[in-house]
Amino acid sequence: MNIAVIGTGYVGLVSGVCFSEIGNQVICVDNNESKVEMLNEGIVPIYEPGLKELMSSNMQAGKLSFTSNIGEAIHQSDIIFIAVGTPSLPNGEANLSYVEQVAVEIGTHLESYKIIVTKSTVPVGTNDRIRDLIRSISSQPFDVASVPEFLREGSAIKDTLNPDRIVIGTSSERAIQTLKKLHRPLTNNLVITDIRSAEMIKYASNAFLATKISFINEISNICEKVGADVTRVAEGMGYDKRIGSSFLKAGIGYGGSCFPKDTQALIQIAGMVDYDFRLLKSVVEVNQDQRMQVIHKLEEAVGSLTGKTIAVWGLAFKPDTDDVRDAPAIDIVQHLVDSGAYVKAYDPIATENFRKEIDMASISWQDTPLHAAQGADALCVLTEWKEFAQVDLHVLAQMMKEPVMIDGRNVYSAEQIQMSAFQYYSVGRPGLTKLEGKAQAII
């Protein structure tokens, strides 16, 4: 099929590349001409394992191209995917200006029947708005559908090519049959529904996953007080098929481009119909508070942060991505700086993006984990990059001024900690806490 994907951000680029991989002719569109030029040179603007290789092979096969000419892309395509950003407004609502702008462009260039598919995460009722905008401009026939994405950064290629399900929301039988044919090579689990339910499925899914994360983080805080191990608690819970093991890993909270934005947007959607979504508000509050657990433990270990040198490992909101949007590290590093600490920060790939968020004289950017830890009064592990688990803790402790570690992601095992000299704090594992080199007794 001939497909246009408008927007070459995370969702748009991955979707376009994967559609070409399964045999379609794909044109990806972006209004940033320098970005389009870069993409046509085979340069990927985001870090995602396997994306560059897949993009290059499909470009060489002539199945994938990039352009800033939206009219040309619309003319050549049968299906048009809208995959532009919907960032949060100050009040938490989704900013739909980019989506609406694209709808106007589509209406302006529409010359024959097309299926217009919203891939962006949008509030319930947005696709009706898109339909009305296009109809106000063009008399050409078209159908509108919602096919939300459920990919995870760091495993986006796998998630797109091997999805759990594909949700297709539309009232058009013609569009349903075409979109089923397009997605059938990916999975037989096709959920066909009305367009508003499809829009809600996306928000409900992300809100539920965010709730699981905040729930297990609350459990971890209780575990620390009663002497239980949250990793074993989560394991025992996860075997229950009604619960499942995914998103039950305790830590310092969620971040990224989806969960924070989508939870706030759903709270606003509920508020607009006079419903107080108290549960989701608590999820957001818990998530924000969880980030500060690192600071509380750090202050317990070293006292006042003023004048202290604190090493920070991990700046991305999760491993295998350079995305720092709403990363817990942003709040934590900012608090360290505001408290008078000197920060030595390291991340394998996200440092450049992080510096766009925070870049102060009291932060130095290091090129290896050990350089960051050299001479530090304490180390905070904020992202569970695999390389951190492979560091020799004996060598690490010797390089630091004081062997103090706040492991916000439970990177290290009991065996590693027991053999080390670290004063160690993790999340929800009080039995592993070590104070002055001696294991703390379990309550």
Protein backbone atom coordinates (compact mmCIF):
# COMPACT_ATOMS: atom_id res chain seq x y z
CA MET A 1 0.00 0.00 0.00
CA ASN A 2 1.00 3.62 -0.45
CA ILE A 3 1.31 5.33 2.91
CA ALA A 4 2.14 8.83 4.11
CA VAL A 5 3.23 9.39 7.70
CA ILE A 6 3.05 13.03 8.73
CA GLY A 7 5.47 13.72 11.56
CA THR A 8 8.90 12.12 12.02
CA GLY A 9 9.09 12.15 15.78
CA TYR A 10 9.41 8.94 17.73
CA VAL A 11 6.06 7.45 16.77
CA GLY A 12 6.02 8.69 13.19
CA LEU A 13 9.53 7.62 12.28
CA VAL A 14 9.30 4.17 13.86
CA SER A 15 5.86 3.59 12.34
CA GLY A 16 6.96 4.70 8.88
CA VAL A 17 10.07 2.53 8.93
CA CYS A 18 8.14 -0.52 10.12
CA PHE A 19 5.36 -0.07 7.55
CA SER A 20 8.00 -0.05 4.83
CA GLU A 21 9.63 -3.12 6.39
CA ILE A 22 6.44 -5.16 5.87
CA GLY A 23 6.27 -4.26 2.19
CA ASN A 24 4.53 -0.90 1.86
CA GLN A 25 5.63 2.19 -0.03
CA VAL A 26 6.07 4.89 2.64
CA ILE A 27 6.66 8.63 2.49
CA CYS A 28 7.44 10.30 5.81
CA VAL A 29 6.71 14.01 6.02
CA ASP A 30 8.14 16.70 8.27
CA ASN A 31 8.00 20.49 7.98
CA ASN A 32 11.56 20.77 9.29
CA GLU A 33 13.57 20.76 6.07
CA SER A 34 16.93 20.30 7.76
CA LYS A 35 15.57 17.23 9.56
CA VAL A 36 14.23 15.83 6.28
CA GLU A 37 17.62 16.38 4.66
CA MET A 38 19.30 14.58 7.54
CA LEU A 39 16.88 11.65 7.29
CA ASN A 40 17.41 11.36 3.54
CA GLU A 41 21.13 11.08 4.30
CA GLY A 42 20.39 8.11 6.54
CA ILE A 43 20.96 9.96 9.82
CA VAL A 44 18.53 9.03 12.59
CA PRO A 45 17.74 11.94 14.96
CA ILE A 46 16.72 9.69 17.87
CA TYR A 47 18.33 6.72 19.57
CA GLU A 48 16.37 3.51 19.21
CA PRO A 49 18.04 0.09 18.93
CA GLY A 50 17.77 -1.30 15.39
CA LEU A 51 16.07 1.76 13.88
CA LYS A 52 19.01 3.07 11.86
CA GLU A 53 19.69 -0.29 10.24
CA LEU A 54 16.04 -0.87 9.37
CA MET A 55 15.66 2.65 8.00
CA SER A 56 18.76 2.35 5.83
CA SER A 57 17.80 -1.02 4.35
CA ASN A 58 14.31 0.14 3.36
CA MET A 59 15.61 3.38 1.88
CA GLN A 60 18.06 1.39 -0.21
CA ALA A 61 15.22 -0.88 -1.31
CA GLY A 62 13.28 2.17 -2.49
CA LYS A 63 10.38 1.58 -0.08
CA LEU A 64 11.01 4.53 2.23
CA SER A 65 11.59 8.21 1.58
CA PHE A 66 11.35 11.55 3.37
CA THR A 67 9.98 14.89 2.21
CA SER A 68 8.84 18.28 3.48
CA ASN A 69 6.24 18.49 0.69
CA ILE A 70 3.02 17.40 2.37
CA GLY A 71 0.93 17.92 -0.77
CA GLU A 72 3.12 15.53 -2.75
CA ALA A 73 2.94 12.91 0.00
CA ILE A 74 -0.87 13.16 0.22
CA HIS A 75 -1.24 12.91 -3.55
CA GLN A 76 0.88 9.74 -3.74
CA SER A 77 -0.70 7.92 -0.79
CA ASP A 78 -3.88 5.98 -0.08
CA ILE A 79 -3.55 6.07 3.70
CA ILE A 80 -2.37 9.13 5.61
CA PHE A 81 -1.16 8.73 9.19
CA ILE A 82 -1.09 11.75 11.48
CA ALA A 83 1.79 11.27 13.93
CA VAL A 84 2.63 14.77 15.12
CA GLY A 85 3.17 15.73 18.74
CA THR A 86 0.42 16.48 21.25
CA PRO A 87 2.44 18.05 24.08
CA SER A 88 0.86 19.11 27.34
CA LEU A 89 -0.47 22.61 27.82
CA PRO A 90 0.18 24.32 31.17
CA ASN A 91 -3.17 23.08 32.50
CA GLY A 92 -2.42 19.46 31.52
CA GLU A 93 -4.64 19.34 28.43
CA ALA A 94 -3.19 17.98 25.18
CA ASN A 95 -2.07 20.65 22.73
CA LEU A 96 -3.90 19.77 19.50
CA SER A 97 -2.62 22.67 17.41
CA TYR A 98 -0.22 20.49 15.40
CA VAL A 99 -2.90 17.87 14.73
CA GLU A 100 -5.37 20.53 13.62
CA GLN A 101 -2.76 22.18 11.41
CA VAL A 102 -2.14 18.86 9.66
CA ALA A 103 -5.89 18.32 9.22
CA VAL A 104 -6.13 21.68 7.46
CA GLU A 105 -3.19 20.76 5.22
CA ILE A 106 -4.82 17.44 4.33
CA GLY A 107 -8.09 19.15 3.49
CA THR A 108 -6.26 21.65 1.31
CA HIS A 109 -4.46 18.97 -0.71
CA LEU A 110 -7.15 16.29 -0.85
CA GLU A 111 -7.87 15.29 -4.47
CA SER A 112 -9.39 11.82 -4.12
CA TYR A 113 -10.54 9.32 -1.51
CA LYS A 114 -8.09 8.78 1.37
CA ILE A 115 -8.14 7.11 4.74
CA ILE A 116 -6.86 9.53 7.37
CA VAL A 117 -5.57 7.75 10.46
CA THR A 118 -4.68 9.43 13.72
CA LYS A 119 -1.65 7.73 15.29
CA SER A 120 -0.98 10.58 17.73
CA THR A 121 -2.44 10.27 21.22
CA VAL A 122 -5.44 12.58 21.25
CA PRO A 123 -8.37 13.27 23.62
CA VAL A 124 -11.74 11.64 23.00
CA GLY A 125 -13.58 13.54 20.28
CA THR A 126 -10.47 14.77 18.44
CA ASN A 127 -11.06 12.62 15.37
CA ASP A 128 -14.54 14.09 15.06
CA ARG A 129 -12.86 17.49 15.10
CA ILE A 130 -10.42 16.35 12.40
CA ARG A 131 -13.31 15.13 10.24
CA ASP A 132 -15.13 18.45 10.62
CA LEU A 133 -12.04 20.49 9.78
CA ILE A 134 -11.36 18.56 6.59
CA ARG A 135 -15.02 18.65 5.53
CA SER A 136 -15.03 22.43 5.96
CA ILE A 137 -12.21 22.67 3.41
CA SER A 138 -12.69 19.80 0.94
CA SER A 139 -15.63 18.12 -0.77
CA GLN A 140 -13.53 15.06 -1.63
CA PRO A 141 -14.49 11.72 -0.06
CA PHE A 142 -12.43 10.46 2.89
CA ASP A 143 -12.67 8.41 6.06
CA VAL A 144 -11.14 9.06 9.47
CA ALA A 145 -9.85 6.38 11.82
CA SER A 146 -8.01 6.14 15.13
CA VAL A 147 -5.21 3.58 15.35
CA PRO A 148 -3.30 4.43 18.56
CA GLU A 149 0.27 3.28 19.09
CA PHE A 150 1.49 1.26 22.07
CA LEU A 151 5.23 1.12 21.44
CA ARG A 152 7.82 1.46 24.21
CA GLU A 153 10.99 3.44 23.75
CA GLY A 154 13.97 1.13 23.74
CA SER A 155 11.93 -1.71 22.21
CA ALA A 156 9.90 0.27 19.68
CA ILE A 157 10.83 -1.80 16.63
CA LYS A 158 9.91 -5.06 18.36
CA ASP A 159 6.69 -3.58 19.72
CA THR A 160 5.64 -2.25 16.32
CA LEU A 161 6.43 -5.39 14.35
CA ASN A 162 5.09 -7.75 17.05
CA PRO A 163 2.24 -5.89 18.74
CA ASP A 164 -0.01 -7.35 21.42
CA ARG A 165 -2.97 -5.96 19.49
CA ILE A 166 -3.93 -3.35 16.92
CA VAL A 167 -6.86 -1.11 17.79
CA ILE A 168 -8.83 0.21 14.80
CA GLY A 169 -11.51 2.74 15.55
CA THR A 170 -13.76 3.94 12.72
CA SER A 171 -17.35 3.87 11.52
CA SER A 172 -16.37 3.12 7.91
CA GLU A 173 -16.48 -0.48 6.72
CA ARG A 174 -14.28 0.46 3.77
CA ALA A 175 -11.64 1.87 6.11
CA ILE A 176 -11.91 -1.14 8.41
CA GLN A 177 -11.18 -3.60 5.61
CA THR A 178 -8.24 -1.59 4.29
CA LEU A 179 -6.69 -1.09 7.74
CA LYS A 180 -7.18 -4.76 8.61
CA LYS A 181 -5.31 -5.69 5.44
CA LEU A 182 -2.51 -3.24 6.29
CA HIS A 183 -2.03 -4.51 9.83
CA ARG A 184 -2.71 -8.22 9.32
CA PRO A 185 1.00 -9.00 8.65
CA LEU A 186 1.74 -7.72 12.17
CA THR A 187 -0.91 -9.59 14.20
CA ASN A 188 -4.29 -11.28 14.06
CA ASN A 189 -5.31 -9.55 17.29
CA LEU A 190 -7.30 -6.73 15.73
CA VAL A 191 -9.69 -4.81 17.97
CA ILE A 192 -12.34 -3.14 15.83
CA THR A 193 -14.30 -0.48 17.64
CA ASP A 194 -15.87 2.95 17.36
CA ILE A 195 -13.54 5.90 17.06
CA ARG A 196 -14.14 7.38 20.53
CA SER A 197 -13.51 4.05 22.24
CA ALA A 198 -10.23 3.73 20.31
CA GLU A 199 -9.18 7.16 21.54
CA MET A 200 -10.03 6.19 25.12
CA ILE A 201 -8.26 2.80 24.91
CA LYS A 202 -4.93 4.56 24.49
CA TYR A 203 -5.39 6.81 27.52
CA ALA A 204 -6.88 4.04 29.65
CA SER A 205 -3.96 1.71 28.83
CA ASN A 206 -1.28 4.21 29.75
CA ALA A 207 -3.13 5.35 32.86
CA PHE A 208 -3.46 1.75 34.06
CA LEU A 209 0.25 1.05 33.51
CA ALA A 210 1.17 4.26 35.32
CA THR A 211 -1.09 3.11 38.16
CA LYS A 212 0.75 -0.22 38.41
CA ILE A 213 4.06 1.63 38.68
CA SER A 214 2.85 4.00 41.37
CA PHE A 215 1.20 1.10 43.21
CA ILE A 216 4.37 -0.99 43.40
CA ASN A 217 6.33 2.08 44.45
CA GLU A 218 3.90 2.64 47.32
CA ILE A 219 4.29 -1.04 48.24
CA SER A 220 8.08 -0.59 48.15
CA ASN A 221 7.85 2.25 50.66
CA ILE A 222 5.82 0.04 53.00
CA CYS A 223 8.30 -2.82 52.47
CA GLU A 224 11.09 -0.61 53.74
CA LYS A 225 9.17 -0.02 56.96
CA VAL A 226 8.06 -3.61 57.63
CA GLY A 227 11.14 -5.50 56.42
CA ALA A 228 9.74 -7.08 53.27
CA ASP A 229 11.54 -7.27 49.90
CA VAL A 230 9.55 -5.57 47.13
CA THR A 231 11.26 -7.60 44.42
CA ARG A 232 9.96 -10.83 45.95
CA VAL A 233 6.57 -9.25 46.59
CA ALA A 234 6.35 -8.18 42.93
CA GLU A 235 7.43 -11.65 41.81
CA GLY A 236 4.74 -13.29 43.88
CA MET A 237 2.12 -10.87 42.60
CA GLY A 238 3.22 -11.17 38.98
CA TYR A 239 2.58 -14.91 38.72
CA ASP A 240 -1.12 -14.15 39.21
CA LYS A 241 -2.53 -14.05 35.68
CA ARG A 242 -5.03 -11.42 36.77
CA ILE A 243 -2.14 -9.08 37.66
CA GLY A 244 0.86 -9.96 35.48
CA SER A 245 4.51 -9.13 36.08
CA SER A 246 4.90 -6.18 33.70
CA PHE A 247 5.33 -2.71 35.20
CA LEU A 248 5.76 -4.06 38.72
CA LYS A 249 9.39 -3.00 39.11
CA ALA A 250 9.85 -0.58 41.98
CA GLY A 251 12.05 2.45 41.44
CA ILE A 252 11.97 6.22 41.38
CA GLY A 253 8.89 6.60 39.21
CA TYR A 254 7.95 6.84 35.56
CA GLY A 255 8.90 9.55 33.08
CA GLY A 256 9.16 9.94 29.32
CA SER A 257 6.88 11.37 26.69
CA CYS A 258 3.76 9.27 27.34
CA PHE A 259 2.82 8.44 30.92
CA PRO A 260 3.24 11.93 32.44
CA LYS A 261 1.49 13.62 29.52
CA ASP A 262 -1.28 11.07 29.11
CA THR A 263 -2.17 10.82 32.79
CA GLN A 264 -2.49 14.59 33.04
CA ALA A 265 -4.53 14.69 29.82
CA LEU A 266 -6.93 12.01 31.06
CA ILE A 267 -7.41 13.90 34.31
CA GLN A 268 -8.33 16.94 32.22
CA ILE A 269 -10.65 14.91 29.97
CA ALA A 270 -12.45 13.65 33.07
CA GLY A 271 -12.65 17.15 34.50
CA MET A 272 -14.20 18.51 31.33
CA VAL A 273 -17.16 16.16 31.85
CA ASP A 274 -17.35 16.98 35.55
CA TYR A 275 -15.71 13.80 36.80
CA ASP A 276 -13.07 13.93 39.51
CA PHE A 277 -10.57 11.18 38.66
CA ARG A 278 -9.23 10.89 42.20
CA LEU A 279 -7.38 7.62 41.65
CA LEU A 280 -5.33 8.96 38.73
CA LYS A 281 -4.57 12.18 40.57
CA SER A 282 -3.08 10.07 43.36
CA VAL A 283 -1.04 8.08 40.82
CA VAL A 284 0.52 11.31 39.57
CA GLU A 285 1.17 12.56 43.11
CA VAL A 286 2.79 9.30 44.18
CA ASN A 287 5.00 9.32 41.11
CA GLN A 288 6.26 12.81 41.84
CA ASP A 289 6.90 12.03 45.50
CA GLN A 290 8.80 8.84 44.64
CA ARG A 291 11.55 10.83 42.94
CA MET A 292 12.34 12.56 46.20
CA GLN A 293 12.94 9.23 47.98
CA VAL A 294 16.42 9.35 46.46
CA ILE A 295 17.04 12.74 48.07
CA HIS A 296 15.69 11.61 51.46
CA LYS A 297 17.99 8.57 51.50
CA LEU A 298 20.93 10.63 50.31
CA GLU A 299 20.46 13.17 53.09
CA GLU A 300 20.14 10.32 55.60
CA ALA A 301 23.48 8.97 54.41
CA VAL A 302 25.57 12.15 54.04
CA GLY A 303 23.68 14.84 55.92
CA SER A 304 23.54 18.30 54.39
CA LEU A 305 24.13 18.30 50.64
CA THR A 306 25.79 21.70 50.64
CA GLY A 307 29.33 21.39 49.34
CA LYS A 308 29.02 17.66 48.70
CA THR A 309 30.06 16.07 45.40
CA ILE A 310 27.34 13.73 44.17
CA ALA A 311 27.82 11.37 41.24
CA VAL A 312 24.73 10.68 39.13
CA TRP A 313 24.56 7.64 36.87
CA GLY A 314 21.74 7.73 34.34
CA LEU A 315 19.89 10.75 32.95
CA ALA A 316 17.43 9.18 30.47
CA PHE A 317 14.03 8.24 31.86
CA LYS A 318 14.75 4.58 31.02
CA PRO A 319 17.59 2.58 29.44
CA ASP A 320 18.08 2.14 25.69
CA THR A 321 16.82 5.62 24.85
CA ASP A 322 18.21 9.16 24.81
CA ASP A 323 14.82 10.57 25.83
CA VAL A 324 14.94 12.74 28.95
CA ARG A 325 11.42 14.15 28.74
CA ASP A 326 10.08 14.31 32.30
CA ALA A 327 12.90 12.03 33.44
CA PRO A 328 13.15 11.66 37.24
CA ALA A 329 16.80 12.71 36.92
CA ILE A 330 15.70 16.24 35.99
CA ASP A 331 13.96 16.84 39.32
CA ILE A 332 16.64 15.05 41.30
CA VAL A 333 19.61 16.84 39.73
CA GLN A 334 17.84 20.18 40.03
CA HIS A 335 17.22 19.53 43.74
CA LEU A 336 20.88 18.58 44.24
CA VAL A 337 22.04 21.80 42.62
CA ASP A 338 19.51 23.88 44.55
CA SER A 339 20.78 22.26 47.77
CA GLY A 340 24.34 23.39 47.07
CA ALA A 341 25.77 20.10 45.83
CA TYR A 342 28.25 19.68 43.01
CA VAL A 343 27.01 17.07 40.51
CA LYS A 344 29.13 14.82 38.31
CA ALA A 345 26.75 13.28 35.79
CA TYR A 346 27.07 10.42 33.32
CA ASP A 347 24.71 8.75 30.83
CA PRO A 348 25.76 6.55 27.89
CA ILE A 349 23.74 8.51 25.30
CA ALA A 350 21.35 11.02 26.89
CA THR A 351 23.79 13.66 28.19
CA GLU A 352 23.37 16.02 25.24
CA ASN A 353 19.59 16.01 25.54
CA PHE A 354 19.77 16.40 29.32
CA ARG A 355 22.01 19.46 29.03
CA LYS A 356 19.23 21.15 27.05
CA GLU A 357 17.08 20.82 30.17
CA ILE A 358 19.66 21.64 32.85
CA ASP A 359 23.18 22.96 32.30
CA MET A 360 24.79 24.79 35.21
CA ALA A 361 28.31 25.51 36.41
CA SER A 362 27.78 23.17 39.37
CA ILE A 363 27.22 20.20 37.02
CA SER A 364 30.11 18.52 35.22
CA TRP A 365 29.46 16.06 32.41
CA GLN A 366 31.55 12.90 32.55
CA ASP A 367 32.45 10.43 29.81
CA THR A 368 32.55 7.24 31.90
CA PRO A 369 30.79 5.99 35.05
CA LEU A 370 34.06 5.79 36.96
CA HIS A 371 35.07 9.34 36.04
CA ALA A 372 31.72 10.50 37.42
CA ALA A 373 32.30 8.60 40.68
CA GLN A 374 35.89 9.72 41.18
CA GLY A 375 36.14 11.62 44.48
CA ALA A 376 32.35 11.68 45.04
CA ASP A 377 30.75 11.75 48.48
CA ALA A 378 27.91 9.59 47.19
CA LEU A 379 26.55 7.98 44.03
CA CYS A 380 22.92 8.03 42.85
CA VAL A 381 21.90 5.44 40.24
CA LEU A 382 18.87 6.85 38.38
CA THR A 383 18.67 4.76 35.18
CA GLU A 384 19.21 0.97 35.01
CA TRP A 385 21.71 0.90 32.12
CA LYS A 386 23.25 -2.57 31.80
CA GLU A 387 26.80 -1.21 31.98
CA PHE A 388 26.20 -0.01 35.54
CA ALA A 389 25.51 -3.55 36.75
CA GLN A 390 28.83 -4.67 35.28
CA VAL A 391 30.99 -2.16 37.18
CA ASP A 392 33.42 -3.65 39.70
CA LEU A 393 32.02 -2.38 43.01
CA HIS A 394 35.35 -2.91 44.79
CA VAL A 395 37.13 -0.60 42.34
CA LEU A 396 34.23 1.84 42.41
CA ALA A 397 34.27 2.14 46.21
CA GLN A 398 37.99 2.83 46.23
CA MET A 399 37.62 5.67 43.73
CA MET A 400 34.99 7.50 45.76
CA LYS A 401 35.65 9.81 48.68
CA GLU A 402 32.93 7.97 50.59
CA PRO A 403 31.45 4.63 49.40
CA VAL A 404 27.80 5.66 49.60
CA MET A 405 25.29 4.51 46.96
CA ILE A 406 21.61 5.30 46.49
CA ASP A 407 20.42 2.69 44.00
CA GLY A 408 17.15 4.13 42.70
CA ARG A 409 16.60 1.29 40.25
CA ASN A 410 17.67 -1.79 42.27
CA VAL A 411 20.46 -2.48 39.80
CA TYR A 412 22.62 -4.49 42.18
CA SER A 413 21.99 -7.93 43.63
CA ALA A 414 22.30 -9.02 47.23
CA GLU A 415 25.50 -10.91 46.42
CA GLN A 416 27.13 -7.84 44.84
CA ILE A 417 26.25 -5.62 47.78
CA GLN A 418 27.25 -8.11 50.48
CA MET A 419 30.72 -8.38 48.91
CA SER A 420 31.15 -4.62 48.64
CA ALA A 421 32.20 -1.87 51.07
CA PHE A 422 29.28 0.36 50.14
CA GLN A 423 26.88 2.07 52.48
CA TYR A 424 23.95 1.06 50.33
CA TYR A 425 20.31 2.09 49.96
CA SER A 426 17.94 0.64 47.36
CA VAL A 427 14.16 0.77 46.79
CA GLY A 428 11.93 -1.47 48.89
CA ARG A 429 14.72 -3.86 49.91
CA PRO A 430 15.51 -3.01 53.55
CA GLY A 431 17.32 -6.30 54.04
CA LEU A 432 20.03 -5.09 51.65
CA THR A 433 20.51 -1.71 53.29
CA LYS A 434 24.06 -1.41 54.60
CA LEU A 435 25.02 1.22 57.15
CA GLU A 436 28.73 1.79 57.71
CA GLY A 437 29.57 -1.48 56.03
CA LYS A 438 27.22 -3.65 58.14
CA ALA A 439 23.98 -5.12 56.90
CA GLN A 440 20.92 -3.63 58.56
CA ALA A 441 18.83 -6.15 60.43
CA ILE A 442 15.46 -6.97 58.89
CA ILE A 443 12.61 -5.73 61.05
